[in-house]
Amino acid sequence: MGVNQYITHFGTIRMRVVGSGTLYSTLYSLDDTRSQVLTNTTLAATTDRQPTRLANFKSMGARLELKVDSLGDWFKCDGIIIYVKPSETSYPQ
C-alpha cells in the first residue's frame, strides 16, 4: 500500500517565512470537507526563527493555505516542513 492510501496524522508544521503583517494558516482535508485553523504568525522582515505550529489533523491528504488579509501586507516563504506519520490503513467500514 502506498503512503498516500493511509490516513495520515499531521502533527507539526515548521515554516521559514518573512514578511509584514499577520500570517493566517489553515489545513484543509481532501475536497476541503474539514479544516483546522492554526495559530497566527506575526511576520517580520528579517528573523532568525522558524515558527512551529502544532496541528492535530487526520486525513488521507491535506492542503496548507497561507494568507495575509490586509492591503500592503506580504509574505515570502522559503521552506515548509510538515511532520506527518501514517496512523491507520483505512477508515472504519
N, C-alpha and C. Protein backbone atom coordinates (compact mmCIF):
# COMPACT_ATOMS: atom_id res chain seq x y z
N MET A 1 0.85 -1.18 0.00
CA MET A 1 0.00 0.00 0.00
C MET A 1 0.88 1.24 0.00
N GLY A 2 0.61 2.19 -0.88
CA GLY A 2 1.38 3.43 -0.92
C GLY A 2 1.06 4.32 0.27
N VAL A 3 1.96 5.21 0.59
CA VAL A 3 1.77 6.10 1.74
C VAL A 3 0.52 6.95 1.57
N ASN A 4 0.19 7.37 0.34
CA ASN A 4 -0.96 8.24 0.13
C ASN A 4 -2.29 7.51 0.36
N GLN A 5 -2.29 6.20 0.59
CA GLN A 5 -3.52 5.46 0.85
C GLN A 5 -3.80 5.35 2.33
N TYR A 6 -2.87 5.73 3.18
CA TYR A 6 -3.06 5.70 4.61
C TYR A 6 -3.80 6.94 5.09
N ILE A 7 -4.47 6.82 6.24
CA ILE A 7 -4.93 8.01 6.95
C ILE A 7 -3.71 8.53 7.67
N THR A 8 -3.38 9.78 7.45
CA THR A 8 -2.15 10.36 7.94
C THR A 8 -2.43 11.36 9.04
N HIS A 9 -1.58 11.36 10.08
CA HIS A 9 -1.69 12.34 11.15
C HIS A 9 -0.71 13.47 10.88
N PHE A 10 -1.23 14.68 10.70
CA PHE A 10 -0.41 15.87 10.51
C PHE A 10 -0.22 16.49 11.88
N GLY A 11 1.03 16.51 12.38
CA GLY A 11 1.26 16.90 13.76
C GLY A 11 1.87 18.27 13.95
N THR A 12 2.83 18.65 13.12
CA THR A 12 3.55 19.91 13.29
C THR A 12 3.91 20.48 11.93
N ILE A 13 3.87 21.79 11.83
CA ILE A 13 4.29 22.48 10.61
C ILE A 13 5.32 23.53 10.99
N ARG A 14 6.46 23.50 10.33
CA ARG A 14 7.52 24.49 10.57
C ARG A 14 7.77 25.23 9.26
N MET A 15 7.80 26.57 9.34
CA MET A 15 7.93 27.39 8.14
C MET A 15 9.10 28.36 8.26
N ARG A 16 9.77 28.60 7.18
CA ARG A 16 10.76 29.68 7.08
C ARG A 16 10.06 30.77 6.29
N VAL A 17 9.54 31.77 7.02
CA VAL A 17 8.70 32.78 6.39
C VAL A 17 9.04 34.16 6.95
N VAL A 18 9.11 35.15 6.06
CA VAL A 18 9.33 36.54 6.45
C VAL A 18 8.26 37.39 5.77
N GLY A 19 8.06 38.60 6.27
CA GLY A 19 7.08 39.48 5.64
C GLY A 19 6.63 40.58 6.58
N SER A 20 5.43 41.07 6.30
CA SER A 20 4.85 42.16 7.07
C SER A 20 3.39 41.85 7.32
N GLY A 21 2.95 42.00 8.56
CA GLY A 21 1.55 41.74 8.90
C GLY A 21 1.39 40.45 9.68
N THR A 22 0.23 39.85 9.57
CA THR A 22 -0.10 38.60 10.26
C THR A 22 -0.36 37.52 9.23
N LEU A 23 0.28 36.37 9.40
CA LEU A 23 0.11 35.24 8.51
C LEU A 23 -0.94 34.30 9.10
N TYR A 24 -1.95 33.99 8.31
CA TYR A 24 -3.01 33.07 8.72
C TYR A 24 -2.78 31.74 8.02
N SER A 25 -2.80 30.63 8.78
CA SER A 25 -2.53 29.30 8.25
C SER A 25 -3.71 28.39 8.54
N THR A 26 -4.11 27.61 7.54
CA THR A 26 -5.21 26.67 7.70
C THR A 26 -4.89 25.38 6.97
N LEU A 27 -5.14 24.24 7.61
CA LEU A 27 -5.04 22.93 6.96
C LEU A 27 -6.42 22.51 6.49
N TYR A 28 -6.51 22.00 5.27
CA TYR A 28 -7.76 21.52 4.71
C TYR A 28 -7.61 20.06 4.30
N SER A 29 -8.65 19.26 4.50
CA SER A 29 -8.63 17.87 4.06
C SER A 29 -8.95 17.81 2.57
N LEU A 30 -8.98 16.59 2.03
CA LEU A 30 -9.32 16.42 0.62
C LEU A 30 -10.69 17.03 0.33
N ASP A 31 -10.79 17.75 -0.76
CA ASP A 31 -12.02 18.44 -1.17
C ASP A 31 -12.53 19.42 -0.13
N ASP A 32 -11.66 19.85 0.77
CA ASP A 32 -11.99 20.87 1.77
C ASP A 32 -13.20 20.51 2.64
N THR A 33 -13.37 19.21 2.93
CA THR A 33 -14.51 18.79 3.75
C THR A 33 -14.30 19.10 5.23
N ARG A 34 -13.03 19.15 5.68
CA ARG A 34 -12.72 19.53 7.06
C ARG A 34 -11.55 20.49 7.04
N SER A 35 -11.43 21.28 8.10
CA SER A 35 -10.31 22.22 8.17
C SER A 35 -9.89 22.42 9.62
N GLN A 36 -8.67 22.90 9.79
CA GLN A 36 -8.16 23.26 11.11
C GLN A 36 -7.37 24.55 10.96
N VAL A 37 -7.79 25.57 11.69
CA VAL A 37 -7.09 26.85 11.70
C VAL A 37 -5.91 26.73 12.65
N LEU A 38 -4.72 27.09 12.19
CA LEU A 38 -3.51 27.03 13.00
C LEU A 38 -3.28 28.39 13.65
N THR A 39 -2.37 28.44 14.59
CA THR A 39 -2.05 29.68 15.29
C THR A 39 -1.49 30.71 14.31
N ASN A 40 -1.94 31.97 14.43
CA ASN A 40 -1.45 33.04 13.57
C ASN A 40 0.01 33.33 13.86
N THR A 41 0.71 33.85 12.84
CA THR A 41 2.12 34.19 12.96
C THR A 41 2.30 35.67 12.68
N THR A 42 2.89 36.42 13.60
CA THR A 42 3.22 37.81 13.35
C THR A 42 4.53 37.83 12.58
N LEU A 43 4.51 38.44 11.40
CA LEU A 43 5.66 38.42 10.50
C LEU A 43 6.63 39.56 10.77
N ALA A 44 7.89 39.34 10.42
CA ALA A 44 8.93 40.36 10.50
C ALA A 44 9.73 40.29 9.20
N ALA A 45 10.31 41.42 8.78
CA ALA A 45 11.06 41.47 7.53
C ALA A 45 12.32 40.61 7.59
N THR A 46 12.92 40.49 8.75
CA THR A 46 14.06 39.59 8.94
C THR A 46 13.86 38.86 10.26
N THR A 47 14.27 37.62 10.28
CA THR A 47 14.13 36.83 11.50
C THR A 47 15.11 35.66 11.48
N ASP A 48 15.49 35.20 12.65
CA ASP A 48 16.33 34.02 12.75
C ASP A 48 15.54 32.83 13.30
N ARG A 49 14.22 32.91 13.21
CA ARG A 49 13.35 31.87 13.75
C ARG A 49 12.53 31.21 12.66
N GLN A 50 12.21 29.96 12.88
CA GLN A 50 11.28 29.23 12.04
C GLN A 50 10.10 28.86 12.92
N PRO A 51 8.99 29.58 12.81
CA PRO A 51 7.88 29.28 13.70
C PRO A 51 7.35 27.86 13.50
N THR A 52 7.02 27.22 14.60
CA THR A 52 6.46 25.88 14.59
C THR A 52 5.00 25.98 15.02
N ARG A 53 4.13 25.43 14.23
CA ARG A 53 2.69 25.45 14.52
C ARG A 53 2.22 24.03 14.74
N LEU A 54 1.58 23.79 15.87
CA LEU A 54 1.06 22.46 16.18
C LEU A 54 -0.27 22.23 15.49
N ALA A 55 -0.45 21.02 15.01
CA ALA A 55 -1.70 20.62 14.39
C ALA A 55 -2.07 19.25 14.95
N ASN A 56 -3.33 18.92 14.90
CA ASN A 56 -3.81 17.60 15.27
C ASN A 56 -4.87 17.26 14.24
N PHE A 57 -4.43 16.80 13.09
CA PHE A 57 -5.30 16.69 11.92
C PHE A 57 -5.07 15.34 11.25
N LYS A 58 -6.13 14.57 11.05
CA LYS A 58 -6.03 13.28 10.37
C LYS A 58 -6.82 13.33 9.08
N SER A 59 -6.16 12.91 8.01
CA SER A 59 -6.80 12.88 6.70
C SER A 59 -5.93 12.06 5.76
N MET A 60 -6.47 11.65 4.62
CA MET A 60 -5.67 10.93 3.63
C MET A 60 -4.72 11.87 2.91
N GLY A 61 -5.00 13.13 2.93
CA GLY A 61 -4.15 14.14 2.33
C GLY A 61 -4.57 15.49 2.88
N ALA A 62 -3.74 16.50 2.68
CA ALA A 62 -4.08 17.81 3.21
C ALA A 62 -3.49 18.90 2.33
N ARG A 63 -4.09 20.06 2.43
CA ARG A 63 -3.63 21.25 1.73
C ARG A 63 -3.40 22.32 2.78
N LEU A 64 -2.27 23.00 2.71
CA LEU A 64 -1.95 24.08 3.63
C LEU A 64 -2.17 25.40 2.93
N GLU A 65 -3.02 26.24 3.51
CA GLU A 65 -3.28 27.57 2.94
C GLU A 65 -2.60 28.61 3.83
N LEU A 66 -1.80 29.48 3.22
CA LEU A 66 -1.15 30.59 3.91
C LEU A 66 -1.65 31.88 3.28
N LYS A 67 -2.03 32.87 4.11
CA LYS A 67 -2.50 34.13 3.55
C LYS A 67 -2.34 35.26 4.54
N VAL A 68 -2.29 36.47 4.01
CA VAL A 68 -2.40 37.71 4.78
C VAL A 68 -3.66 38.39 4.27
N ASP A 69 -4.32 39.20 5.11
CA ASP A 69 -5.60 39.73 4.69
C ASP A 69 -5.69 41.26 4.65
N SER A 70 -4.58 41.95 4.85
CA SER A 70 -4.62 43.41 4.81
C SER A 70 -3.86 43.92 3.59
N LEU A 71 -4.35 44.97 3.01
CA LEU A 71 -3.70 45.59 1.86
C LEU A 71 -2.31 46.07 2.26
N GLY A 72 -1.31 45.74 1.50
CA GLY A 72 0.06 46.13 1.81
C GLY A 72 0.84 45.10 2.60
N ASP A 73 0.16 44.10 3.20
CA ASP A 73 0.86 43.03 3.90
C ASP A 73 1.40 42.05 2.86
N TRP A 74 2.49 41.39 3.19
CA TRP A 74 3.10 40.44 2.26
C TRP A 74 3.85 39.38 3.04
N PHE A 75 4.14 38.26 2.36
CA PHE A 75 4.99 37.24 2.97
C PHE A 75 5.77 36.51 1.88
N LYS A 76 6.92 36.00 2.28
CA LYS A 76 7.77 35.18 1.41
C LYS A 76 8.12 33.94 2.19
N CYS A 77 7.80 32.80 1.62
CA CYS A 77 8.04 31.52 2.28
C CYS A 77 9.17 30.80 1.55
N ASP A 78 10.27 30.53 2.26
CA ASP A 78 11.42 29.85 1.67
C ASP A 78 11.44 28.36 1.96
N GLY A 79 10.60 27.89 2.84
CA GLY A 79 10.57 26.46 3.14
C GLY A 79 9.47 26.10 4.10
N ILE A 80 8.91 24.92 3.89
CA ILE A 80 7.88 24.39 4.78
C ILE A 80 8.23 22.94 5.07
N ILE A 81 8.23 22.59 6.34
CA ILE A 81 8.42 21.20 6.75
C ILE A 81 7.14 20.78 7.46
N ILE A 82 6.51 19.72 6.97
CA ILE A 82 5.28 19.20 7.57
C ILE A 82 5.59 17.83 8.15
N TYR A 83 5.42 17.69 9.45
CA TYR A 83 5.70 16.43 10.13
C TYR A 83 4.43 15.59 10.13
N VAL A 84 4.50 14.44 9.46
CA VAL A 84 3.34 13.55 9.33
C VAL A 84 3.76 12.12 9.65
N LYS A 85 2.78 11.31 9.99
CA LYS A 85 3.03 9.87 10.14
C LYS A 85 1.76 9.12 9.79
N PRO A 86 1.89 7.97 9.14
CA PRO A 86 0.71 7.15 8.88
C PRO A 86 0.10 6.69 10.20
N SER A 87 -1.23 6.76 10.31
CA SER A 87 -1.84 6.36 11.57
C SER A 87 -2.79 5.17 11.41
N GLU A 88 -3.52 5.09 10.33
CA GLU A 88 -4.42 3.95 10.06
C GLU A 88 -4.31 3.57 8.60
N THR A 89 -4.68 2.33 8.30
CA THR A 89 -4.60 1.91 6.90
C THR A 89 -5.90 2.20 6.14
N SER A 90 -7.01 2.42 6.85
CA SER A 90 -8.26 2.75 6.18
C SER A 90 -9.25 3.30 7.21
N TYR A 91 -10.32 3.90 6.71
CA TYR A 91 -11.38 4.37 7.58
C TYR A 91 -12.22 3.18 8.04
N PRO A 92 -12.86 3.26 9.21
CA PRO A 92 -13.71 2.15 9.66
C PRO A 92 -14.85 1.93 8.66
N GLN A 93 -15.19 0.67 8.47
CA GLN A 93 -16.24 0.31 7.50
C GLN A 93 -17.63 0.57 8.05
